[in-house]
C-alpha cells in the first residue's frame, strides 16, 4: 500500500531497517581489527546489495564521494530494482570507521531515503553545523552567532542557568575556539571523537544530557542528521564549506548556486523522509551487534517524517547465512 502523503511505500520504512541491519552486521565482523577501510568496505557492500533488492528507482545524492573518487556508493549511483518510487538516498554505511577499527562505542550504519529531489545534493565536503532539540522558538540558535551567544539564547529559551547547558562538540583542533567560547559562557562541553550524526540526534533526547551540537564535520553526516531531525523534531542549520575552487566547481555542477547559503534542516531534507540507523558498536544511542554462533542481535532506530513515527527495533536473527556475509 502506498502512503497518500507521498510516493514512498510504507513498507520501505521497515525495509530500510533491514538495509542498515545488514550493513551493521557486516561491519561488526571487523570491530577491533584496526582496519578502517575493510570495515567501511564491508558495510558498503552489504548496504549496496540490500538497496539493490528494493523496488525503488533510487539515486545516491549523499554518499562516499563522487564517481571518479570513490567506487563505494558514490554520489549519482543508481540503486534499486528500477521499479517503484523515485527516491533520493543519503547514507553513511559506517559512521565511525575509526570507532569500529578501535573497538570504541557509537559506530552506526546510517541510511536516509526521501522522495526524489528532496535531499540536498551536495559534494563530499565539510559543513558547519549547529543543532538543538524540539520545543524551542524558531530562531533560538544562529549558525553565524558566537557559540557563547547561542548557549545563552538556549538557556533563556529553556528557562535554566547557562551552567545547566551541555554542548556536544567533535574533539578536533579546529574546534578549540568554539570549545573555549562555550566554556567562557559558563556551559559544559561534551567531547566526542567521531560520530556527529549521533551527536545531533542526542540533542532531541533529554536522557542523553546533550542540549546543543556545534561544530564542523562532513556534509554527508550533516544531511543525514537533518533527515533525522525532520522525523523527530529539532532545529538545525548548516553551511557547506566551499573555499577551494575545486569544491566550488563541484557544488555548481550539482546545482548549488548560492555557495554561502545557510540551510535549515527542512531545506536539507524535505518531503517524506525515512531514516534508519543500526548500532555497530554499543553507544549512548544504540546497542551494538551481538553474535553467538549463527545468531546475531541488532538494535535499530527507524523514523518517518510524515507520520512522526519512531521505532526502535531490537531484532534476533537466527540464521546468519541469510545475511550473505560469508560468501
C-alpha atoms as a PDB file:
ATOM      1  CA  UNK A   1       0.000   0.000   0.000  1.00  0.00           C
ATOM      2  CA  UNK A   2       1.317   3.447  -0.874  1.00  0.00           C
ATOM      3  CA  UNK A   3       1.017   6.362   1.520  1.00  0.00           C
ATOM      4  CA  UNK A   4      -1.325   9.084   0.213  1.00  0.00           C
ATOM      5  CA  UNK A   5       1.058  11.687   1.585  1.00  0.00           C
ATOM      6  CA  UNK A   6       3.958  10.714  -0.642  1.00  0.00           C
ATOM      7  CA  UNK A   7       5.310   8.400  -3.279  1.00  0.00           C
ATOM      8  CA  UNK A   8       7.180   6.265  -0.751  1.00  0.00           C
ATOM      9  CA  UNK A   9       5.606   2.893   0.010  1.00  0.00           C
ATOM     10  CA  UNK A  10       5.090   2.461   3.755  1.00  0.00           C
ATOM     11  CA  UNK A  11       6.764  -0.929   3.677  1.00  0.00           C
ATOM     12  CA  UNK A  12      10.024   0.793   2.734  1.00  0.00           C
ATOM     13  CA  UNK A  13      10.262   2.136   6.276  1.00  0.00           C
ATOM     14  CA  UNK A  14      10.854  -1.364   7.616  1.00  0.00           C
ATOM     15  CA  UNK A  15      12.790  -2.422   4.532  1.00  0.00           C
ATOM     16  CA  UNK A  16      15.256   0.384   5.221  1.00  0.00           C
ATOM     17  CA  UNK A  17      15.805  -1.061   8.686  1.00  0.00           C
ATOM     18  CA  UNK A  18      16.801  -4.323   7.027  1.00  0.00           C
ATOM     19  CA  UNK A  19      19.319  -2.414   4.890  1.00  0.00           C
ATOM     20  CA  UNK A  20      21.122  -0.844   7.844  1.00  0.00           C
ATOM     21  CA  UNK A  21      20.954  -4.092   9.817  1.00  0.00           C
ATOM     22  CA  UNK A  22      22.866  -5.851   7.052  1.00  0.00           C
ATOM     23  CA  UNK A  23      25.460  -3.090   6.872  1.00  0.00           C
ATOM     24  CA  UNK A  24      25.987  -3.055  10.617  1.00  0.00           C
ATOM     25  CA  UNK A  25      26.368  -6.830  10.882  1.00  0.00           C
ATOM     26  CA  UNK A  26      28.893  -6.857   8.034  1.00  0.00           C
ATOM     27  CA  UNK A  27      30.988  -4.093   9.596  1.00  0.00           C
ATOM     28  CA  UNK A  28      30.795  -5.658  13.061  1.00  0.00           C
ATOM     29  CA  UNK A  29      32.881  -8.623  11.936  1.00  0.00           C
ATOM     30  CA  UNK A  30      35.826  -6.204  11.761  1.00  0.00           C
ATOM     31  CA  UNK A  31      35.412  -4.465  15.134  1.00  0.00           C
ATOM     32  CA  UNK A  32      38.763  -4.003  16.841  1.00  0.00           C
ATOM     33  CA  UNK A  33      40.979  -5.224  13.992  1.00  0.00           C
ATOM     34  CA  UNK A  34      42.348  -1.771  13.202  1.00  0.00           C
ATOM     35  CA  UNK A  35      41.370  -1.784   9.512  1.00  0.00           C
ATOM     36  CA  UNK A  36      39.100   1.186   8.825  1.00  0.00           C
ATOM     37  CA  UNK A  37      38.949   0.656   5.055  1.00  0.00           C
ATOM     38  CA  UNK A  38      37.998  -3.002   5.330  1.00  0.00           C
ATOM     39  CA  UNK A  39      35.239  -2.263   7.839  1.00  0.00           C
ATOM     40  CA  UNK A  40      33.870   0.529   5.647  1.00  0.00           C
ATOM     41  CA  UNK A  41      34.015  -1.661   2.535  1.00  0.00           C
ATOM     42  CA  UNK A  42      32.162  -4.473   4.289  1.00  0.00           C
ATOM     43  CA  UNK A  43      29.342  -2.095   5.259  1.00  0.00           C
ATOM     44  CA  UNK A  44      29.228  -0.595   1.756  1.00  0.00           C
ATOM     45  CA  UNK A  45      28.996  -3.977   0.028  1.00  0.00           C
ATOM     46  CA  UNK A  46      26.197  -5.172   2.300  1.00  0.00           C
ATOM     47  CA  UNK A  47      24.172  -1.957   2.045  1.00  0.00           C
ATOM     48  CA  UNK A  48      24.559  -1.750  -1.731  1.00  0.00           C
ATOM     49  CA  UNK A  49      23.365  -5.346  -2.086  1.00  0.00           C
ATOM     50  CA  UNK A  50      20.291  -4.705   0.068  1.00  0.00           C
ATOM     51  CA  UNK A  51      19.407  -1.384  -1.577  1.00  0.00           C
ATOM     52  CA  UNK A  52      19.558  -3.072  -4.972  1.00  0.00           C
ATOM     53  CA  UNK A  53      16.984  -5.613  -3.784  1.00  0.00           C
ATOM     54  CA  UNK A  54      14.402  -2.898  -3.031  1.00  0.00           C
ATOM     55  CA  UNK A  55      11.675  -1.955  -5.500  1.00  0.00           C
ATOM     56  CA  UNK A  56      12.844   1.633  -5.850  1.00  0.00           C
ATOM     57  CA  UNK A  57      14.326   3.887  -8.509  1.00  0.00           C
ATOM     58  CA  UNK A  58      16.987   5.262  -6.205  1.00  0.00           C
ATOM     59  CA  UNK A  59      19.828   7.688  -6.668  1.00  0.00           C
ATOM     60  CA  UNK A  60      22.571   8.277  -4.123  1.00  0.00           C
ATOM     61  CA  UNK A  61      22.732  12.046  -3.529  1.00  0.00           C
ATOM     62  CA  UNK A  62      24.855  11.854  -0.388  1.00  0.00           C
ATOM     63  CA  UNK A  63      27.415   9.068  -0.431  1.00  0.00           C
ATOM     64  CA  UNK A  64      31.050   8.096  -0.204  1.00  0.00           C
ATOM     65  CA  UNK A  65      32.261  10.654  -2.755  1.00  0.00           C
ATOM     66  CA  UNK A  66      31.918  11.274  -6.452  1.00  0.00           C
ATOM     67  CA  UNK A  67      32.153   8.510  -9.025  1.00  0.00           C
ATOM     68  CA  UNK A  68      35.765   9.098 -10.060  1.00  0.00           C
ATOM     69  CA  UNK A  69      36.944   9.242  -6.455  1.00  0.00           C
ATOM     70  CA  UNK A  70      35.038   6.509  -4.624  1.00  0.00           C
ATOM     71  CA  UNK A  71      33.693   3.301  -6.160  1.00  0.00           C
ATOM     72  CA  UNK A  72      31.712   2.813  -2.962  1.00  0.00           C
ATOM     73  CA  UNK A  73      28.088   4.018  -3.207  1.00  0.00           C
ATOM     74  CA  UNK A  74      29.191   7.213  -4.912  1.00  0.00           C
ATOM     75  CA  UNK A  75      27.118  10.328  -5.466  1.00  0.00           C
ATOM     76  CA  UNK A  76      24.992   9.747  -8.538  1.00  0.00           C
ATOM     77  CA  UNK A  77      24.960   5.941  -8.279  1.00  0.00           C
ATOM     78  CA  UNK A  78      21.636   4.316  -9.194  1.00  0.00           C
ATOM     79  CA  UNK A  79      20.302   1.729  -6.733  1.00  0.00           C
ATOM     80  CA  UNK A  80      17.222  -0.465  -6.534  1.00  0.00           C
ATOM     81  CA  UNK A  81      15.422  -2.728  -8.983  1.00  0.00           C
ATOM     82  CA  UNK A  82      14.328   0.171 -11.183  1.00  0.00           C
ATOM     83  CA  UNK A  83      10.705  -0.377 -10.179  1.00  0.00           C
ATOM     84  CA  UNK A  84       8.675   1.569  -7.645  1.00  0.00           C
ATOM     85  CA  UNK A  85       9.037   5.175  -6.456  1.00  0.00           C
ATOM     86  CA  UNK A  86      11.845   7.516  -7.442  1.00  0.00           C
ATOM     87  CA  UNK A  87      13.801   8.327  -4.297  1.00  0.00           C
ATOM     88  CA  UNK A  88      16.900  10.131  -3.073  1.00  0.00           C
ATOM     89  CA  UNK A  89      19.302   8.180  -0.899  1.00  0.00           C
ATOM     90  CA  UNK A  90      21.696   9.665   1.669  1.00  0.00           C
ATOM     91  CA  UNK A  91      23.957   7.299   3.526  1.00  0.00           C
ATOM     92  CA  UNK A  92      26.990   6.747   5.647  1.00  0.00           C
ATOM     93  CA  UNK A  93      27.476   2.971   5.515  1.00  0.00           C
ATOM     94  CA  UNK A  94      29.750   3.144   8.537  1.00  0.00           C
ATOM     95  CA  UNK A  95      29.618   6.344  10.543  1.00  0.00           C
ATOM     96  CA  UNK A  96      32.577   5.816  12.804  1.00  0.00           C
ATOM     97  CA  UNK A  97      35.144   3.851  10.821  1.00  0.00           C
ATOM     98  CA  UNK A  98      37.788   4.731  13.401  1.00  0.00           C
ATOM     99  CA  UNK A  99      35.426   3.807  16.228  1.00  0.00           C
ATOM    100  CA  UNK A 100      34.871   0.403  14.637  1.00  0.00           C
ATOM    101  CA  UNK A 101      38.536  -0.232  13.910  1.00  0.00           C
ATOM    102  CA  UNK A 102      39.462   0.642  17.508  1.00  0.00           C
ATOM    103  CA  UNK A 103      36.541  -1.175  19.109  1.00  0.00           C
ATOM    104  CA  UNK A 104      35.057   2.049  20.508  1.00  0.00           C
ATOM    105  CA  UNK A 105      31.384   2.910  21.014  1.00  0.00           C
ATOM    106  CA  UNK A 106      28.793   4.767  18.933  1.00  0.00           C
ATOM    107  CA  UNK A 107      29.588   3.428  15.434  1.00  0.00           C
ATOM    108  CA  UNK A 108      26.468   3.260  13.241  1.00  0.00           C
ATOM    109  CA  UNK A 109      25.256   2.179   9.822  1.00  0.00           C
ATOM    110  CA  UNK A 110      23.004   5.019   8.595  1.00  0.00           C
ATOM    111  CA  UNK A 111      20.696   5.468   5.579  1.00  0.00           C
ATOM    112  CA  UNK A 112      18.016   8.060   4.800  1.00  0.00           C
ATOM    113  CA  UNK A 113      15.508   7.937   1.956  1.00  0.00           C
ATOM    114  CA  UNK A 114      13.199  10.639   0.624  1.00  0.00           C
ATOM    115  CA  UNK A 115      11.157  11.451  -2.436  1.00  0.00           C
ATOM    116  CA  UNK A 116      13.286  12.332  -5.465  1.00  0.00           C
ATOM    117  CA  UNK A 117      14.548  15.912  -5.253  1.00  0.00           C
ATOM    118  CA  UNK A 118      14.010  16.158  -1.503  1.00  0.00           C
ATOM    119  CA  UNK A 119      17.556  15.709  -0.139  1.00  0.00           C
ATOM    120  CA  UNK A 120      20.324  18.263  -0.529  1.00  0.00           C
ATOM    121  CA  UNK A 121      22.601  17.125  -3.340  1.00  0.00           C
ATOM    122  CA  UNK A 122      25.946  18.341  -2.072  1.00  0.00           C
ATOM    123  CA  UNK A 123      29.602  17.474  -2.712  1.00  0.00           C
ATOM    124  CA  UNK A 124      31.538  15.472  -0.147  1.00  0.00           C
ATOM    125  CA  UNK A 125      32.975  18.479   1.698  1.00  0.00           C
ATOM    126  CA  UNK A 126      32.881  19.867   5.220  1.00  0.00           C
ATOM    127  CA  UNK A 127      29.838  21.581   6.695  1.00  0.00           C
ATOM    128  CA  UNK A 128      29.423  23.980   9.611  1.00  0.00           C
ATOM    129  CA  UNK A 129      26.581  22.770  11.849  1.00  0.00           C
ATOM    130  CA  UNK A 130      24.518  23.748  14.843  1.00  0.00           C
ATOM    131  CA  UNK A 131      21.531  21.859  16.233  1.00  0.00           C
ATOM    132  CA  UNK A 132      19.178  21.755  19.205  1.00  0.00           C
ATOM    133  CA  UNK A 133      16.171  19.645  20.144  1.00  0.00           C
ATOM    134  CA  UNK A 134      12.471  20.332  19.671  1.00  0.00           C
ATOM    135  CA  UNK A 135      10.201  22.673  21.591  1.00  0.00           C
ATOM    136  CA  UNK A 136      12.093  25.969  21.273  1.00  0.00           C
ATOM    137  CA  UNK A 137      11.066  29.104  19.350  1.00  0.00           C
ATOM    138  CA  UNK A 138      12.280  29.337  15.775  1.00  0.00           C
ATOM    139  CA  UNK A 139      15.488  31.301  15.568  1.00  0.00           C
ATOM    140  CA  UNK A 140      16.698  30.307  19.035  1.00  0.00           C
ATOM    141  CA  UNK A 141      20.081  29.426  17.506  1.00  0.00           C
ATOM    142  CA  UNK A 142      22.025  31.006  14.669  1.00  0.00           C
ATOM    143  CA  UNK A 143      24.994  29.455  12.896  1.00  0.00           C
ATOM    144  CA  UNK A 144      26.525  32.913  12.473  1.00  0.00           C
ATOM    145  CA  UNK A 145      26.302  33.841  16.154  1.00  0.00           C
ATOM    146  CA  UNK A 146      29.122  33.309  18.615  1.00  0.00           C
ATOM    147  CA  UNK A 147      28.834  29.926  20.388  1.00  0.00           C
ATOM    148  CA  UNK A 148      28.558  31.727  23.712  1.00  0.00           C
ATOM    149  CA  UNK A 149      25.575  33.726  22.439  1.00  0.00           C
ATOM    150  CA  UNK A 150      23.886  30.568  21.211  1.00  0.00           C
ATOM    151  CA  UNK A 151      24.401  28.928  24.580  1.00  0.00           C
ATOM    152  CA  UNK A 152      22.894  31.898  26.395  1.00  0.00           C
ATOM    153  CA  UNK A 153      19.950  32.023  23.993  1.00  0.00           C
ATOM    154  CA  UNK A 154      19.198  28.336  24.510  1.00  0.00           C
ATOM    155  CA  UNK A 155      19.485  28.657  28.287  1.00  0.00           C
ATOM    156  CA  UNK A 156      16.990  31.541  28.190  1.00  0.00           C
ATOM    157  CA  UNK A 157      14.577  29.580  25.985  1.00  0.00           C
ATOM    158  CA  UNK A 158      14.903  26.568  28.253  1.00  0.00           C
ATOM    159  CA  UNK A 159      14.500  28.643  31.408  1.00  0.00           C
ATOM    160  CA  UNK A 160      17.693  27.434  33.060  1.00  0.00           C
ATOM    161  CA  UNK A 161      21.054  28.834  34.055  1.00  0.00           C
ATOM    162  CA  UNK A 162      23.788  28.609  31.413  1.00  0.00           C
ATOM    163  CA  UNK A 163      25.672  26.190  33.648  1.00  0.00           C
ATOM    164  CA  UNK A 164      22.900  23.647  33.005  1.00  0.00           C
ATOM    165  CA  UNK A 165      23.571  23.613  29.246  1.00  0.00           C
ATOM    166  CA  UNK A 166      25.782  20.894  27.734  1.00  0.00           C
ATOM    167  CA  UNK A 167      27.120  21.221  24.191  1.00  0.00           C
ATOM    168  CA  UNK A 168      28.381  18.270  22.154  1.00  0.00           C
ATOM    169  CA  UNK A 169      31.476  19.028  20.056  1.00  0.00           C
ATOM    170  CA  UNK A 170      33.782  16.856  17.957  1.00  0.00           C
ATOM    171  CA  UNK A 171      37.201  16.724  19.612  1.00  0.00           C
ATOM    172  CA  UNK A 172      39.237  18.382  16.868  1.00  0.00           C
ATOM    173  CA  UNK A 173      41.904  21.145  16.966  1.00  0.00           C
ATOM    174  CA  UNK A 174      39.740  23.241  14.619  1.00  0.00           C
ATOM    175  CA  UNK A 175      37.111  23.487  17.369  1.00  0.00           C
ATOM    176  CA  UNK A 176      39.395  24.961  20.049  1.00  0.00           C
ATOM    177  CA  UNK A 177      37.862  28.434  19.811  1.00  0.00           C
ATOM    178  CA  UNK A 178      34.313  27.038  19.856  1.00  0.00           C
ATOM    179  CA  UNK A 179      35.063  24.990  22.963  1.00  0.00           C
ATOM    180  CA  UNK A 180      36.625  27.985  24.690  1.00  0.00           C
ATOM    181  CA  UNK A 181      33.668  30.230  23.853  1.00  0.00           C
ATOM    182  CA  UNK A 182      31.211  27.696  25.269  1.00  0.00           C
ATOM    183  CA  UNK A 183      33.184  27.322  28.476  1.00  0.00           C
ATOM    184  CA  UNK A 184      33.681  31.074  28.798  1.00  0.00           C
ATOM    185  CA  UNK A 185      29.890  31.419  28.712  1.00  0.00           C
ATOM    186  CA  UNK A 186      29.688  29.027  31.672  1.00  0.00           C
ATOM    187  CA  UNK A 187      28.314  25.985  29.849  1.00  0.00           C
ATOM    188  CA  UNK A 188      29.599  22.423  29.754  1.00  0.00           C
ATOM    189  CA  UNK A 189      31.276  20.707  26.795  1.00  0.00           C
ATOM    190  CA  UNK A 190      30.863  17.015  25.963  1.00  0.00           C
ATOM    191  CA  UNK A 191      33.603  15.962  23.527  1.00  0.00           C
ATOM    192  CA  UNK A 192      33.193  13.080  21.086  1.00  0.00           C
ATOM    193  CA  UNK A 193      35.909  11.514  18.934  1.00  0.00           C
ATOM    194  CA  UNK A 194      33.642  10.669  15.968  1.00  0.00           C
ATOM    195  CA  UNK A 195      30.009  10.229  15.045  1.00  0.00           C
ATOM    196  CA  UNK A 196      28.313  13.593  14.686  1.00  0.00           C
ATOM    197  CA  UNK A 197      25.052  12.118  13.341  1.00  0.00           C
ATOM    198  CA  UNK A 198      24.543  10.552  16.756  1.00  0.00           C
ATOM    199  CA  UNK A 199      25.746  13.794  18.342  1.00  0.00           C
ATOM    200  CA  UNK A 200      22.987  15.787  16.630  1.00  0.00           C
ATOM    201  CA  UNK A 201      20.324  13.184  17.409  1.00  0.00           C
ATOM    202  CA  UNK A 202      21.339  13.288  21.071  1.00  0.00           C
ATOM    203  CA  UNK A 203      20.038  16.879  21.309  1.00  0.00           C
ATOM    204  CA  UNK A 204      16.494  15.556  20.845  1.00  0.00           C
ATOM    205  CA  UNK A 205      16.615  13.147  23.816  1.00  0.00           C
ATOM    206  CA  UNK A 206      16.743  14.689  27.306  1.00  0.00           C
ATOM    207  CA  UNK A 207      18.106  11.399  28.670  1.00  0.00           C
ATOM    208  CA  UNK A 208      21.435  11.988  26.888  1.00  0.00           C
ATOM    209  CA  UNK A 209      22.062  15.269  28.708  1.00  0.00           C
ATOM    210  CA  UNK A 210      23.071  16.943  25.417  1.00  0.00           C
ATOM    211  CA  UNK A 211      21.329  20.259  24.699  1.00  0.00           C
ATOM    212  CA  UNK A 212      23.186  21.504  21.641  1.00  0.00           C
ATOM    213  CA  UNK A 213      25.569  20.344  18.936  1.00  0.00           C
ATOM    214  CA  UNK A 214      28.096  22.726  17.351  1.00  0.00           C
ATOM    215  CA  UNK A 215      30.996  22.139  15.002  1.00  0.00           C
ATOM    216  CA  UNK A 216      32.366  21.433  11.570  1.00  0.00           C
ATOM    217  CA  UNK A 217      32.081  17.927  10.154  1.00  0.00           C
ATOM    218  CA  UNK A 218      31.238  16.088   6.972  1.00  0.00           C
ATOM    219  CA  UNK A 219      28.415  17.345   4.770  1.00  0.00           C
ATOM    220  CA  UNK A 220      27.066  13.798   4.292  1.00  0.00           C
ATOM    221  CA  UNK A 221      26.655  13.479   8.051  1.00  0.00           C
ATOM    222  CA  UNK A 222      25.024  16.905   8.112  1.00  0.00           C
ATOM    223  CA  UNK A 223      22.331  15.905   5.616  1.00  0.00           C
ATOM    224  CA  UNK A 224      21.762  12.611   7.418  1.00  0.00           C
ATOM    225  CA  UNK A 225      21.395  14.423  10.741  1.00  0.00           C
ATOM    226  CA  UNK A 226      18.961  16.871   9.137  1.00  0.00           C
ATOM    227  CA  UNK A 227      16.928  13.931   7.824  1.00  0.00           C
ATOM    228  CA  UNK A 228      16.712  12.525  11.341  1.00  0.00           C
ATOM    229  CA  UNK A 229      15.641  15.868  12.817  1.00  0.00           C
ATOM    230  CA  UNK A 230      12.903  16.198  10.210  1.00  0.00           C
ATOM    231  CA  UNK A 231      11.492  12.943  11.577  1.00  0.00           C
ATOM    232  CA  UNK A 232      11.836  13.558  15.311  1.00  0.00           C
ATOM    233  CA  UNK A 233      11.864  17.345  15.609  1.00  0.00           C
ATOM    234  CA  UNK A 234      14.531  19.888  16.432  1.00  0.00           C
ATOM    235  CA  UNK A 235      16.300  22.806  14.821  1.00  0.00           C
ATOM    236  CA  UNK A 236      19.444  22.683  12.717  1.00  0.00           C
ATOM    237  CA  UNK A 237      21.427  24.982  10.472  1.00  0.00           C
ATOM    238  CA  UNK A 238      24.280  24.046   8.191  1.00  0.00           C
ATOM    239  CA  UNK A 239      26.562  25.698   5.662  1.00  0.00           C
ATOM    240  CA  UNK A 240      28.823  23.972   3.162  1.00  0.00           C
ATOM    241  CA  UNK A 241      32.484  24.953   3.355  1.00  0.00           C
ATOM    242  CA  UNK A 242      33.467  25.634  -0.235  1.00  0.00           C
ATOM    243  CA  UNK A 243      36.709  27.600  -0.025  1.00  0.00           C
ATOM    244  CA  UNK A 244      38.563  25.568  -2.641  1.00  0.00           C
ATOM    245  CA  UNK A 245      37.830  26.327  -6.306  1.00  0.00           C
ATOM    246  CA  UNK A 246      37.507  22.610  -6.980  1.00  0.00           C
ATOM    247  CA  UNK A 247      34.830  22.294  -4.308  1.00  0.00           C
ATOM    248  CA  UNK A 248      33.006  25.327  -5.647  1.00  0.00           C
ATOM    249  CA  UNK A 249      33.005  23.870  -9.147  1.00  0.00           C
ATOM    250  CA  UNK A 250      31.667  20.533  -7.880  1.00  0.00           C
ATOM    251  CA  UNK A 251      28.919  22.298  -5.960  1.00  0.00           C
ATOM    252  CA  UNK A 252      27.854  24.253  -9.018  1.00  0.00           C
ATOM    253  CA  UNK A 253      27.749  21.060 -11.079  1.00  0.00           C
ATOM    254  CA  UNK A 254      25.288  19.725  -8.512  1.00  0.00           C
ATOM    255  CA  UNK A 255      23.028  22.756  -8.891  1.00  0.00           C
ATOM    256  CA  UNK A 256      24.185  24.777  -5.886  1.00  0.00           C
ATOM    257  CA  UNK A 257      24.338  28.430  -6.902  1.00  0.00           C
ATOM    258  CA  UNK A 258      24.426  30.189  -3.510  1.00  0.00           C
ATOM    259  CA  UNK A 259      27.723  28.925  -2.112  1.00  0.00           C
ATOM    260  CA  UNK A 260      27.267  30.750   1.213  1.00  0.00           C
ATOM    261  CA  UNK A 261      23.714  29.615   1.857  1.00  0.00           C
ATOM    262  CA  UNK A 262      22.727  28.780   5.413  1.00  0.00           C
ATOM    263  CA  UNK A 263      20.447  25.727   5.226  1.00  0.00           C
ATOM    264  CA  UNK A 264      17.811  24.704   7.752  1.00  0.00           C
ATOM    265  CA  UNK A 265      17.063  21.045   8.430  1.00  0.00           C
ATOM    266  CA  UNK A 266      13.973  21.205   6.223  1.00  0.00           C
ATOM    267  CA  UNK A 267      15.982  22.759   3.404  1.00  0.00           C
ATOM    268  CA  UNK A 268      18.422  19.850   3.571  1.00  0.00           C
ATOM    269  CA  UNK A 269      15.736  17.167   3.861  1.00  0.00           C
ATOM    270  CA  UNK A 270      12.152  17.901   2.803  1.00  0.00           C
ATOM    271  CA  UNK A 271       9.062  15.928   1.866  1.00  0.00           C
ATOM    272  CA  UNK A 272       8.532  12.404   3.172  1.00  0.00           C
ATOM    273  CA  UNK A 273      11.763  11.292   4.842  1.00  0.00           C
ATOM    274  CA  UNK A 274      12.587   7.847   6.219  1.00  0.00           C
ATOM    275  CA  UNK A 275      15.698   7.421   8.398  1.00  0.00           C
ATOM    276  CA  UNK A 276      17.310   4.261   9.737  1.00  0.00           C
ATOM    277  CA  UNK A 277      20.383   3.728  11.918  1.00  0.00           C
ATOM    278  CA  UNK A 278      21.667   0.417  13.277  1.00  0.00           C
ATOM    279  CA  UNK A 279      24.287   0.189  16.006  1.00  0.00           C
ATOM    280  CA  UNK A 280      27.601  -1.408  15.038  1.00  0.00           C
ATOM    281  CA  UNK A 281      29.312  -0.862  18.387  1.00  0.00           C
ATOM    282  CA  UNK A 282      27.361  -0.135  21.571  1.00  0.00           C
ATOM    283  CA  UNK A 283      26.962   3.513  22.488  1.00  0.00           C
ATOM    284  CA  UNK A 284      24.667   6.077  24.028  1.00  0.00           C
ATOM    285  CA  UNK A 285      22.227   5.927  21.107  1.00  0.00           C
ATOM    286  CA  UNK A 286      22.007   2.215  20.220  1.00  0.00           C
ATOM    287  CA  UNK A 287      23.372  -1.158  21.267  1.00  0.00           C
ATOM    288  CA  UNK A 288      25.974  -2.716  19.034  1.00  0.00           C
ATOM    289  CA  UNK A 289      25.898  -6.024  17.182  1.00  0.00           C
ATOM    290  CA  UNK A 290      25.980  -9.129  19.315  1.00  0.00           C
ATOM    291  CA  UNK A 291      26.778 -12.506  17.775  1.00  0.00           C
ATOM    292  CA  UNK A 292      26.776 -16.024  19.148  1.00  0.00           C
ATOM    293  CA  UNK A 293      27.290 -18.869  16.720  1.00  0.00           C
ATOM    294  CA  UNK A 294      24.805 -18.482  13.864  1.00  0.00           C
ATOM    295  CA  UNK A 295      22.674 -15.936  15.753  1.00  0.00           C
ATOM    296  CA  UNK A 296      23.020 -12.150  15.743  1.00  0.00           C
ATOM    297  CA  UNK A 297      21.174  -9.413  17.633  1.00  0.00           C
ATOM    298  CA  UNK A 298      20.675  -5.940  16.147  1.00  0.00           C
ATOM    299  CA  UNK A 299      19.384  -2.633  17.530  1.00  0.00           C
ATOM    300  CA  UNK A 300      17.898  -0.165  15.037  1.00  0.00           C
ATOM    301  CA  UNK A 301      16.239   3.254  15.173  1.00  0.00           C
ATOM    302  CA  UNK A 302      13.747   3.851  12.336  1.00  0.00           C
ATOM    303  CA  UNK A 303      11.850   7.104  11.815  1.00  0.00           C
ATOM    304  CA  UNK A 304       9.474   8.639   9.271  1.00  0.00           C
ATOM    305  CA  UNK A 305       8.681  12.329   8.966  1.00  0.00           C
ATOM    306  CA  UNK A 306       5.130  12.264   7.560  1.00  0.00           C
ATOM    307  CA  UNK A 307       3.802  10.008  10.313  1.00  0.00           C
ATOM    308  CA  UNK A 308       6.076  11.272  13.085  1.00  0.00           C
ATOM    309  CA  UNK A 309       6.741   7.650  13.965  1.00  0.00           C
ATOM    310  CA  UNK A 310       9.883   6.490  15.737  1.00  0.00           C
ATOM    311  CA  UNK A 311      10.513   2.782  16.142  1.00  0.00           C
ATOM    312  CA  UNK A 312      13.313   1.060  17.982  1.00  0.00           C
ATOM    313  CA  UNK A 313      13.686  -2.445  16.630  1.00  0.00           C
ATOM    314  CA  UNK A 314      15.695  -4.912  18.677  1.00  0.00           C
ATOM    315  CA  UNK A 315      15.867  -7.992  16.481  1.00  0.00           C
ATOM    316  CA  UNK A 316      17.202 -11.517  16.801  1.00  0.00           C
ATOM    317  CA  UNK A 317      18.366 -13.154  13.578  1.00  0.00           C
ATOM    318  CA  UNK A 318      18.758 -16.895  13.970  1.00  0.00           C
ATOM    319  CA  UNK A 319      20.392 -17.704  10.643  1.00  0.00           C
ATOM    320  CA  UNK A 320      23.440 -15.573   9.878  1.00  0.00           C
ATOM    321  CA  UNK A 321      23.751 -17.229   6.466  1.00  0.00           C
ATOM    322  CA  UNK A 322      20.745 -15.160   5.379  1.00  0.00           C
ATOM    323  CA  UNK A 323      22.952 -12.082   5.605  1.00  0.00           C
ATOM    324  CA  UNK A 324      25.254 -13.412   2.837  1.00  0.00           C
ATOM    325  CA  UNK A 325      28.336 -12.324   4.779  1.00  0.00           C
ATOM    326  CA  UNK A 326      30.408 -15.445   4.435  1.00  0.00           C
ATOM    327  CA  UNK A 327      30.424 -15.733   0.635  1.00  0.00           C
END
